[in-house]
């Protein structure tokens, strides 16, 4: 009995422990945006065609696909010991050669999956308005990113900036605008809506 307890204590004291254990996630991802498509359409028109293109490549251990609304992702697991960069180049060549993607799809994004470990959370609070807190959060994020040991920092819990344009009924009547003229501001904002959609920088919502 004493021997068992002694061996157990020795095992605990000699076991290597790491707060953030290192691991190699040898993965490659291929992501294609297909706006307006259902998961079934994404699977058939995007994921399956990528799988067929990279099937048989040397260095591929396993292929897993995920089709969601408007986007498809193919995850490629690299064989142990195989050069990930070499396989990445081969995958790019095969995917770039695909000519049967629907016209609505965007350029495939192909990249090596780099593991990241979260090390700290920084909370910012104070008796002030939301905009000031967000500005402070952005400042802290930039200072953290300036540290040489930090590769990524994200600001969470802050709502995106929004510009609201409202036209009151009284103002419309004062300037002699009837109900049909309400549509004029919307038509003029159409160009802004198109620009936002193309740039992916925001959205435009029109009220009643």
C-alpha atoms as a PDB file:
ATOM      1  CA  UNK A   1       0.000   0.000   0.000  1.00  0.00           C
ATOM      2  CA  UNK A   2       2.797   2.383   0.917  1.00  0.00           C
ATOM      3  CA  UNK A   3       4.527   1.571  -2.385  1.00  0.00           C
ATOM      4  CA  UNK A   4       1.409   2.481  -4.367  1.00  0.00           C
ATOM      5  CA  UNK A   5       1.018   5.834  -2.575  1.00  0.00           C
ATOM      6  CA  UNK A   6       4.705   6.579  -3.016  1.00  0.00           C
ATOM      7  CA  UNK A   7       4.612   5.828  -6.746  1.00  0.00           C
ATOM      8  CA  UNK A   8       1.517   8.017  -7.123  1.00  0.00           C
ATOM      9  CA  UNK A   9       3.201  10.977  -5.443  1.00  0.00           C
ATOM     10  CA  UNK A  10       6.295  10.519  -7.567  1.00  0.00           C
ATOM     11  CA  UNK A  11       4.187  10.383 -10.707  1.00  0.00           C
ATOM     12  CA  UNK A  12       2.445  13.675  -9.889  1.00  0.00           C
ATOM     13  CA  UNK A  13       5.672  15.508  -9.100  1.00  0.00           C
ATOM     14  CA  UNK A  14       7.480  14.295 -12.228  1.00  0.00           C
ATOM     15  CA  UNK A  15       4.640  14.791 -14.766  1.00  0.00           C
ATOM     16  CA  UNK A  16       5.315  17.678 -17.155  1.00  0.00           C
ATOM     17  CA  UNK A  17       2.666  20.355 -16.931  1.00  0.00           C
ATOM     18  CA  UNK A  18       2.110  23.321 -19.243  1.00  0.00           C
ATOM     19  CA  UNK A  19      -0.304  26.193 -18.788  1.00  0.00           C
ATOM     20  CA  UNK A  20      -0.599  26.588 -22.563  1.00  0.00           C
ATOM     21  CA  UNK A  21       0.645  23.344 -24.161  1.00  0.00           C
ATOM     22  CA  UNK A  22       2.093  23.698 -27.643  1.00  0.00           C
ATOM     23  CA  UNK A  23       0.578  21.734 -30.509  1.00  0.00           C
ATOM     24  CA  UNK A  24       0.924  21.694 -34.261  1.00  0.00           C
ATOM     25  CA  UNK A  25      -2.359  22.078 -36.114  1.00  0.00           C
ATOM     26  CA  UNK A  26      -1.190  21.133 -39.573  1.00  0.00           C
ATOM     27  CA  UNK A  27      -4.317  22.233 -41.389  1.00  0.00           C
ATOM     28  CA  UNK A  28      -5.159  24.116 -44.565  1.00  0.00           C
ATOM     29  CA  UNK A  29      -8.482  25.849 -45.121  1.00  0.00           C
ATOM     30  CA  UNK A  30     -10.208  26.784 -48.373  1.00  0.00           C
ATOM     31  CA  UNK A  31     -13.080  29.236 -47.928  1.00  0.00           C
ATOM     32  CA  UNK A  32     -15.384  30.439 -50.703  1.00  0.00           C
ATOM     33  CA  UNK A  33     -18.181  32.993 -50.291  1.00  0.00           C
ATOM     34  CA  UNK A  34     -21.324  32.332 -52.322  1.00  0.00           C
ATOM     35  CA  UNK A  35     -23.757  35.086 -51.412  1.00  0.00           C
ATOM     36  CA  UNK A  36     -27.414  34.224 -51.354  1.00  0.00           C
ATOM     37  CA  UNK A  37     -26.844  30.478 -51.749  1.00  0.00           C
ATOM     38  CA  UNK A  38     -28.399  27.836 -49.522  1.00  0.00           C
ATOM     39  CA  UNK A  39     -26.191  25.290 -47.716  1.00  0.00           C
ATOM     40  CA  UNK A  40     -27.237  22.661 -50.267  1.00  0.00           C
ATOM     41  CA  UNK A  41     -26.210  24.894 -53.175  1.00  0.00           C
ATOM     42  CA  UNK A  42     -22.896  25.683 -51.480  1.00  0.00           C
ATOM     43  CA  UNK A  43     -22.166  22.014 -50.911  1.00  0.00           C
ATOM     44  CA  UNK A  44     -22.948  21.005 -54.481  1.00  0.00           C
ATOM     45  CA  UNK A  45     -21.427  23.973 -56.317  1.00  0.00           C
ATOM     46  CA  UNK A  46     -18.437  24.758 -54.081  1.00  0.00           C
ATOM     47  CA  UNK A  47     -17.431  22.131 -51.524  1.00  0.00           C
ATOM     48  CA  UNK A  48     -17.801  19.076 -53.751  1.00  0.00           C
ATOM     49  CA  UNK A  49     -15.853  20.687 -56.582  1.00  0.00           C
ATOM     50  CA  UNK A  50     -12.998  21.644 -54.254  1.00  0.00           C
ATOM     51  CA  UNK A  51     -12.906  18.129 -52.801  1.00  0.00           C
ATOM     52  CA  UNK A  52     -12.757  16.609 -56.272  1.00  0.00           C
ATOM     53  CA  UNK A  53      -9.972  18.991 -57.315  1.00  0.00           C
ATOM     54  CA  UNK A  54      -7.669  18.236 -54.370  1.00  0.00           C
ATOM     55  CA  UNK A  55      -8.499  14.549 -54.090  1.00  0.00           C
ATOM     56  CA  UNK A  56      -5.374  12.439 -54.527  1.00  0.00           C
ATOM     57  CA  UNK A  57      -2.874  15.168 -53.641  1.00  0.00           C
ATOM     58  CA  UNK A  58       0.173  13.840 -51.851  1.00  0.00           C
ATOM     59  CA  UNK A  59       0.279  14.892 -48.216  1.00  0.00           C
ATOM     60  CA  UNK A  60      -3.487  14.992 -47.637  1.00  0.00           C
ATOM     61  CA  UNK A  61      -4.539  12.996 -44.571  1.00  0.00           C
ATOM     62  CA  UNK A  62      -8.218  13.912 -44.372  1.00  0.00           C
ATOM     63  CA  UNK A  63     -10.694  16.318 -46.007  1.00  0.00           C
ATOM     64  CA  UNK A  64     -13.672  17.786 -44.145  1.00  0.00           C
ATOM     65  CA  UNK A  65     -16.203  20.197 -45.640  1.00  0.00           C
ATOM     66  CA  UNK A  66     -18.694  22.560 -44.034  1.00  0.00           C
ATOM     67  CA  UNK A  67     -21.452  24.185 -46.094  1.00  0.00           C
ATOM     68  CA  UNK A  68     -23.446  27.033 -44.608  1.00  0.00           C
ATOM     69  CA  UNK A  69     -25.675  29.756 -45.995  1.00  0.00           C
ATOM     70  CA  UNK A  70     -23.573  31.928 -48.284  1.00  0.00           C
ATOM     71  CA  UNK A  71     -20.232  30.251 -47.594  1.00  0.00           C
ATOM     72  CA  UNK A  72     -18.361  26.968 -47.829  1.00  0.00           C
ATOM     73  CA  UNK A  73     -15.168  25.844 -46.089  1.00  0.00           C
ATOM     74  CA  UNK A  74     -12.988  22.832 -46.826  1.00  0.00           C
ATOM     75  CA  UNK A  75     -10.580  21.783 -44.071  1.00  0.00           C
ATOM     76  CA  UNK A  76      -7.541  19.770 -45.175  1.00  0.00           C
ATOM     77  CA  UNK A  77      -5.538  17.839 -42.612  1.00  0.00           C
ATOM     78  CA  UNK A  78      -1.866  17.459 -43.540  1.00  0.00           C
ATOM     79  CA  UNK A  79      -0.089  14.133 -43.145  1.00  0.00           C
ATOM     80  CA  UNK A  80       2.390  14.024 -40.276  1.00  0.00           C
ATOM     81  CA  UNK A  81       5.853  14.977 -41.464  1.00  0.00           C
ATOM     82  CA  UNK A  82       4.704  16.411 -44.798  1.00  0.00           C
ATOM     83  CA  UNK A  83       5.708  19.956 -45.746  1.00  0.00           C
ATOM     84  CA  UNK A  84       2.605  22.067 -45.132  1.00  0.00           C
ATOM     85  CA  UNK A  85       3.838  24.917 -47.331  1.00  0.00           C
ATOM     86  CA  UNK A  86       4.356  22.555 -50.256  1.00  0.00           C
ATOM     87  CA  UNK A  87       0.860  21.143 -49.885  1.00  0.00           C
ATOM     88  CA  UNK A  88      -0.521  24.686 -49.572  1.00  0.00           C
ATOM     89  CA  UNK A  89       0.976  25.562 -52.958  1.00  0.00           C
ATOM     90  CA  UNK A  90      -0.444  22.376 -54.501  1.00  0.00           C
ATOM     91  CA  UNK A  91      -3.905  23.112 -53.111  1.00  0.00           C
ATOM     92  CA  UNK A  92      -3.785  26.669 -54.462  1.00  0.00           C
ATOM     93  CA  UNK A  93      -2.871  25.398 -57.912  1.00  0.00           C
ATOM     94  CA  UNK A  94      -5.712  22.872 -57.966  1.00  0.00           C
ATOM     95  CA  UNK A  95      -8.348  25.269 -56.606  1.00  0.00           C
ATOM     96  CA  UNK A  96      -7.293  28.147 -58.872  1.00  0.00           C
ATOM     97  CA  UNK A  97      -7.736  25.805 -61.836  1.00  0.00           C
ATOM     98  CA  UNK A  98     -11.429  25.235 -61.052  1.00  0.00           C
ATOM     99  CA  UNK A  99     -13.531  26.945 -63.732  1.00  0.00           C
ATOM    100  CA  UNK A 100     -16.964  25.622 -62.782  1.00  0.00           C
ATOM    101  CA  UNK A 101     -17.689  27.774 -59.738  1.00  0.00           C
ATOM    102  CA  UNK A 102     -20.931  29.791 -60.056  1.00  0.00           C
ATOM    103  CA  UNK A 103     -20.509  33.393 -61.180  1.00  0.00           C
ATOM    104  CA  UNK A 104     -21.818  34.626 -57.817  1.00  0.00           C
ATOM    105  CA  UNK A 105     -18.906  33.115 -55.894  1.00  0.00           C
ATOM    106  CA  UNK A 106     -15.956  35.188 -54.728  1.00  0.00           C
ATOM    107  CA  UNK A 107     -12.248  34.416 -54.997  1.00  0.00           C
ATOM    108  CA  UNK A 108     -11.315  31.406 -52.826  1.00  0.00           C
ATOM    109  CA  UNK A 109      -9.325  32.215 -49.687  1.00  0.00           C
ATOM    110  CA  UNK A 110      -6.671  29.531 -49.137  1.00  0.00           C
ATOM    111  CA  UNK A 111      -4.489  29.660 -46.049  1.00  0.00           C
ATOM    112  CA  UNK A 112      -2.629  27.618 -43.486  1.00  0.00           C
ATOM    113  CA  UNK A 113      -4.520  27.294 -40.211  1.00  0.00           C
ATOM    114  CA  UNK A 114      -2.312  28.814 -37.537  1.00  0.00           C
ATOM    115  CA  UNK A 115      -3.201  27.840 -33.940  1.00  0.00           C
ATOM    116  CA  UNK A 116      -3.707  30.730 -31.549  1.00  0.00           C
ATOM    117  CA  UNK A 117      -3.939  30.629 -27.767  1.00  0.00           C
ATOM    118  CA  UNK A 118      -5.862  33.199 -25.759  1.00  0.00           C
ATOM    119  CA  UNK A 119      -3.727  34.352 -22.857  1.00  0.00           C
ATOM    120  CA  UNK A 120      -5.624  37.219 -21.262  1.00  0.00           C
ATOM    121  CA  UNK A 121      -8.889  39.167 -21.170  1.00  0.00           C
ATOM    122  CA  UNK A 122      -8.855  42.904 -20.497  1.00  0.00           C
ATOM    123  CA  UNK A 123     -12.133  44.423 -19.313  1.00  0.00           C
ATOM    124  CA  UNK A 124     -12.764  48.140 -19.634  1.00  0.00           C
ATOM    125  CA  UNK A 125     -15.521  49.705 -17.541  1.00  0.00           C
ATOM    126  CA  UNK A 126     -16.363  53.146 -16.255  1.00  0.00           C
ATOM    127  CA  UNK A 127     -19.050  55.709 -15.575  1.00  0.00           C
ATOM    128  CA  UNK A 128     -19.149  57.072 -19.112  1.00  0.00           C
ATOM    129  CA  UNK A 129     -20.963  56.593 -22.397  1.00  0.00           C
ATOM    130  CA  UNK A 130     -20.635  53.601 -24.723  1.00  0.00           C
ATOM    131  CA  UNK A 131     -18.784  55.529 -27.429  1.00  0.00           C
ATOM    132  CA  UNK A 132     -16.039  56.597 -25.015  1.00  0.00           C
ATOM    133  CA  UNK A 133     -15.635  53.047 -23.724  1.00  0.00           C
ATOM    134  CA  UNK A 134     -15.338  51.743 -27.272  1.00  0.00           C
ATOM    135  CA  UNK A 135     -12.730  54.372 -28.110  1.00  0.00           C
ATOM    136  CA  UNK A 136     -10.716  53.389 -25.036  1.00  0.00           C
ATOM    137  CA  UNK A 137     -11.048  49.727 -26.004  1.00  0.00           C
ATOM    138  CA  UNK A 138      -9.705  50.432 -29.493  1.00  0.00           C
ATOM    139  CA  UNK A 139      -6.781  52.340 -27.978  1.00  0.00           C
ATOM    140  CA  UNK A 140      -5.950  49.467 -25.632  1.00  0.00           C
ATOM    141  CA  UNK A 141      -6.174  46.991 -28.507  1.00  0.00           C
ATOM    142  CA  UNK A 142      -3.678  48.990 -30.564  1.00  0.00           C
ATOM    143  CA  UNK A 143      -1.276  49.211 -27.610  1.00  0.00           C
ATOM    144  CA  UNK A 144      -1.518  45.460 -27.037  1.00  0.00           C
ATOM    145  CA  UNK A 145      -0.903  44.731 -30.724  1.00  0.00           C
ATOM    146  CA  UNK A 146       2.241  46.853 -30.518  1.00  0.00           C
ATOM    147  CA  UNK A 147       3.763  44.323 -28.113  1.00  0.00           C
ATOM    148  CA  UNK A 148       6.200  42.029 -29.978  1.00  0.00           C
ATOM    149  CA  UNK A 149       4.869  38.894 -28.254  1.00  0.00           C
ATOM    150  CA  UNK A 150       1.250  39.505 -29.345  1.00  0.00           C
ATOM    151  CA  UNK A 151       0.059  38.437 -32.801  1.00  0.00           C
ATOM    152  CA  UNK A 152      -3.663  39.134 -32.487  1.00  0.00           C
ATOM    153  CA  UNK A 153      -6.024  41.165 -30.304  1.00  0.00           C
ATOM    154  CA  UNK A 154      -9.773  41.556 -30.735  1.00  0.00           C
ATOM    155  CA  UNK A 155     -12.276  44.044 -29.374  1.00  0.00           C
ATOM    156  CA  UNK A 156     -15.491  42.333 -28.287  1.00  0.00           C
ATOM    157  CA  UNK A 157     -18.740  43.502 -26.782  1.00  0.00           C
ATOM    158  CA  UNK A 158     -18.722  46.842 -28.624  1.00  0.00           C
ATOM    159  CA  UNK A 159     -21.446  47.624 -31.104  1.00  0.00           C
ATOM    160  CA  UNK A 160     -20.438  48.903 -34.571  1.00  0.00           C
ATOM    161  CA  UNK A 161     -20.745  52.597 -35.337  1.00  0.00           C
ATOM    162  CA  UNK A 162     -24.028  53.642 -36.925  1.00  0.00           C
ATOM    163  CA  UNK A 163     -25.199  56.783 -38.696  1.00  0.00           C
ATOM    164  CA  UNK A 164     -28.923  57.484 -38.519  1.00  0.00           C
ATOM    165  CA  UNK A 165     -30.614  59.888 -40.948  1.00  0.00           C
ATOM    166  CA  UNK A 166     -34.211  60.813 -40.114  1.00  0.00           C
ATOM    167  CA  UNK A 167     -36.656  63.130 -41.859  1.00  0.00           C
ATOM    168  CA  UNK A 168     -39.616  64.260 -39.776  1.00  0.00           C
ATOM    169  CA  UNK A 169     -43.152  64.637 -41.081  1.00  0.00           C
ATOM    170  CA  UNK A 170     -43.167  68.299 -39.988  1.00  0.00           C
ATOM    171  CA  UNK A 171     -40.047  69.058 -42.037  1.00  0.00           C
ATOM    172  CA  UNK A 172     -41.588  67.452 -45.118  1.00  0.00           C
ATOM    173  CA  UNK A 173     -44.741  69.540 -44.784  1.00  0.00           C
ATOM    174  CA  UNK A 174     -42.781  72.726 -44.100  1.00  0.00           C
ATOM    175  CA  UNK A 175     -40.857  72.372 -47.354  1.00  0.00           C
ATOM    176  CA  UNK A 176     -43.901  71.342 -49.309  1.00  0.00           C
ATOM    177  CA  UNK A 177     -42.914  67.732 -49.794  1.00  0.00           C
ATOM    178  CA  UNK A 178     -45.748  65.284 -50.196  1.00  0.00           C
ATOM    179  CA  UNK A 179     -45.731  61.609 -49.279  1.00  0.00           C
ATOM    180  CA  UNK A 180     -44.339  60.491 -52.634  1.00  0.00           C
ATOM    181  CA  UNK A 181     -41.241  62.628 -52.132  1.00  0.00           C
ATOM    182  CA  UNK A 182     -40.180  60.442 -49.216  1.00  0.00           C
ATOM    183  CA  UNK A 183     -38.737  58.015 -51.694  1.00  0.00           C
ATOM    184  CA  UNK A 184     -36.269  60.599 -53.036  1.00  0.00           C
ATOM    185  CA  UNK A 185     -33.770  60.311 -50.129  1.00  0.00           C
ATOM    186  CA  UNK A 186     -33.832  56.546 -50.522  1.00  0.00           C
ATOM    187  CA  UNK A 187     -33.029  56.807 -54.220  1.00  0.00           C
ATOM    188  CA  UNK A 188     -30.165  59.166 -53.489  1.00  0.00           C
ATOM    189  CA  UNK A 189     -28.803  56.792 -50.849  1.00  0.00           C
ATOM    190  CA  UNK A 190     -28.893  53.890 -53.298  1.00  0.00           C
ATOM    191  CA  UNK A 191     -25.338  54.619 -54.420  1.00  0.00           C
ATOM    192  CA  UNK A 192     -24.153  54.534 -50.808  1.00  0.00           C
ATOM    193  CA  UNK A 193     -25.864  51.196 -50.242  1.00  0.00           C
ATOM    194  CA  UNK A 194     -24.155  49.721 -53.302  1.00  0.00           C
ATOM    195  CA  UNK A 195     -20.760  51.007 -52.203  1.00  0.00           C
ATOM    196  CA  UNK A 196     -21.170  49.573 -48.712  1.00  0.00           C
ATOM    197  CA  UNK A 197     -22.189  46.190 -50.084  1.00  0.00           C
ATOM    198  CA  UNK A 198     -19.240  46.027 -52.463  1.00  0.00           C
ATOM    199  CA  UNK A 199     -16.727  47.093 -49.834  1.00  0.00           C
ATOM    200  CA  UNK A 200     -18.207  44.932 -47.094  1.00  0.00           C
ATOM    201  CA  UNK A 201     -17.876  47.827 -44.635  1.00  0.00           C
ATOM    202  CA  UNK A 202     -21.404  48.115 -43.333  1.00  0.00           C
ATOM    203  CA  UNK A 203     -25.110  48.017 -44.020  1.00  0.00           C
ATOM    204  CA  UNK A 204     -27.828  50.542 -44.816  1.00  0.00           C
ATOM    205  CA  UNK A 205     -31.332  50.216 -43.402  1.00  0.00           C
ATOM    206  CA  UNK A 206     -34.286  52.306 -44.592  1.00  0.00           C
ATOM    207  CA  UNK A 207     -37.193  52.931 -42.230  1.00  0.00           C
ATOM    208  CA  UNK A 208     -40.841  53.112 -43.067  1.00  0.00           C
END
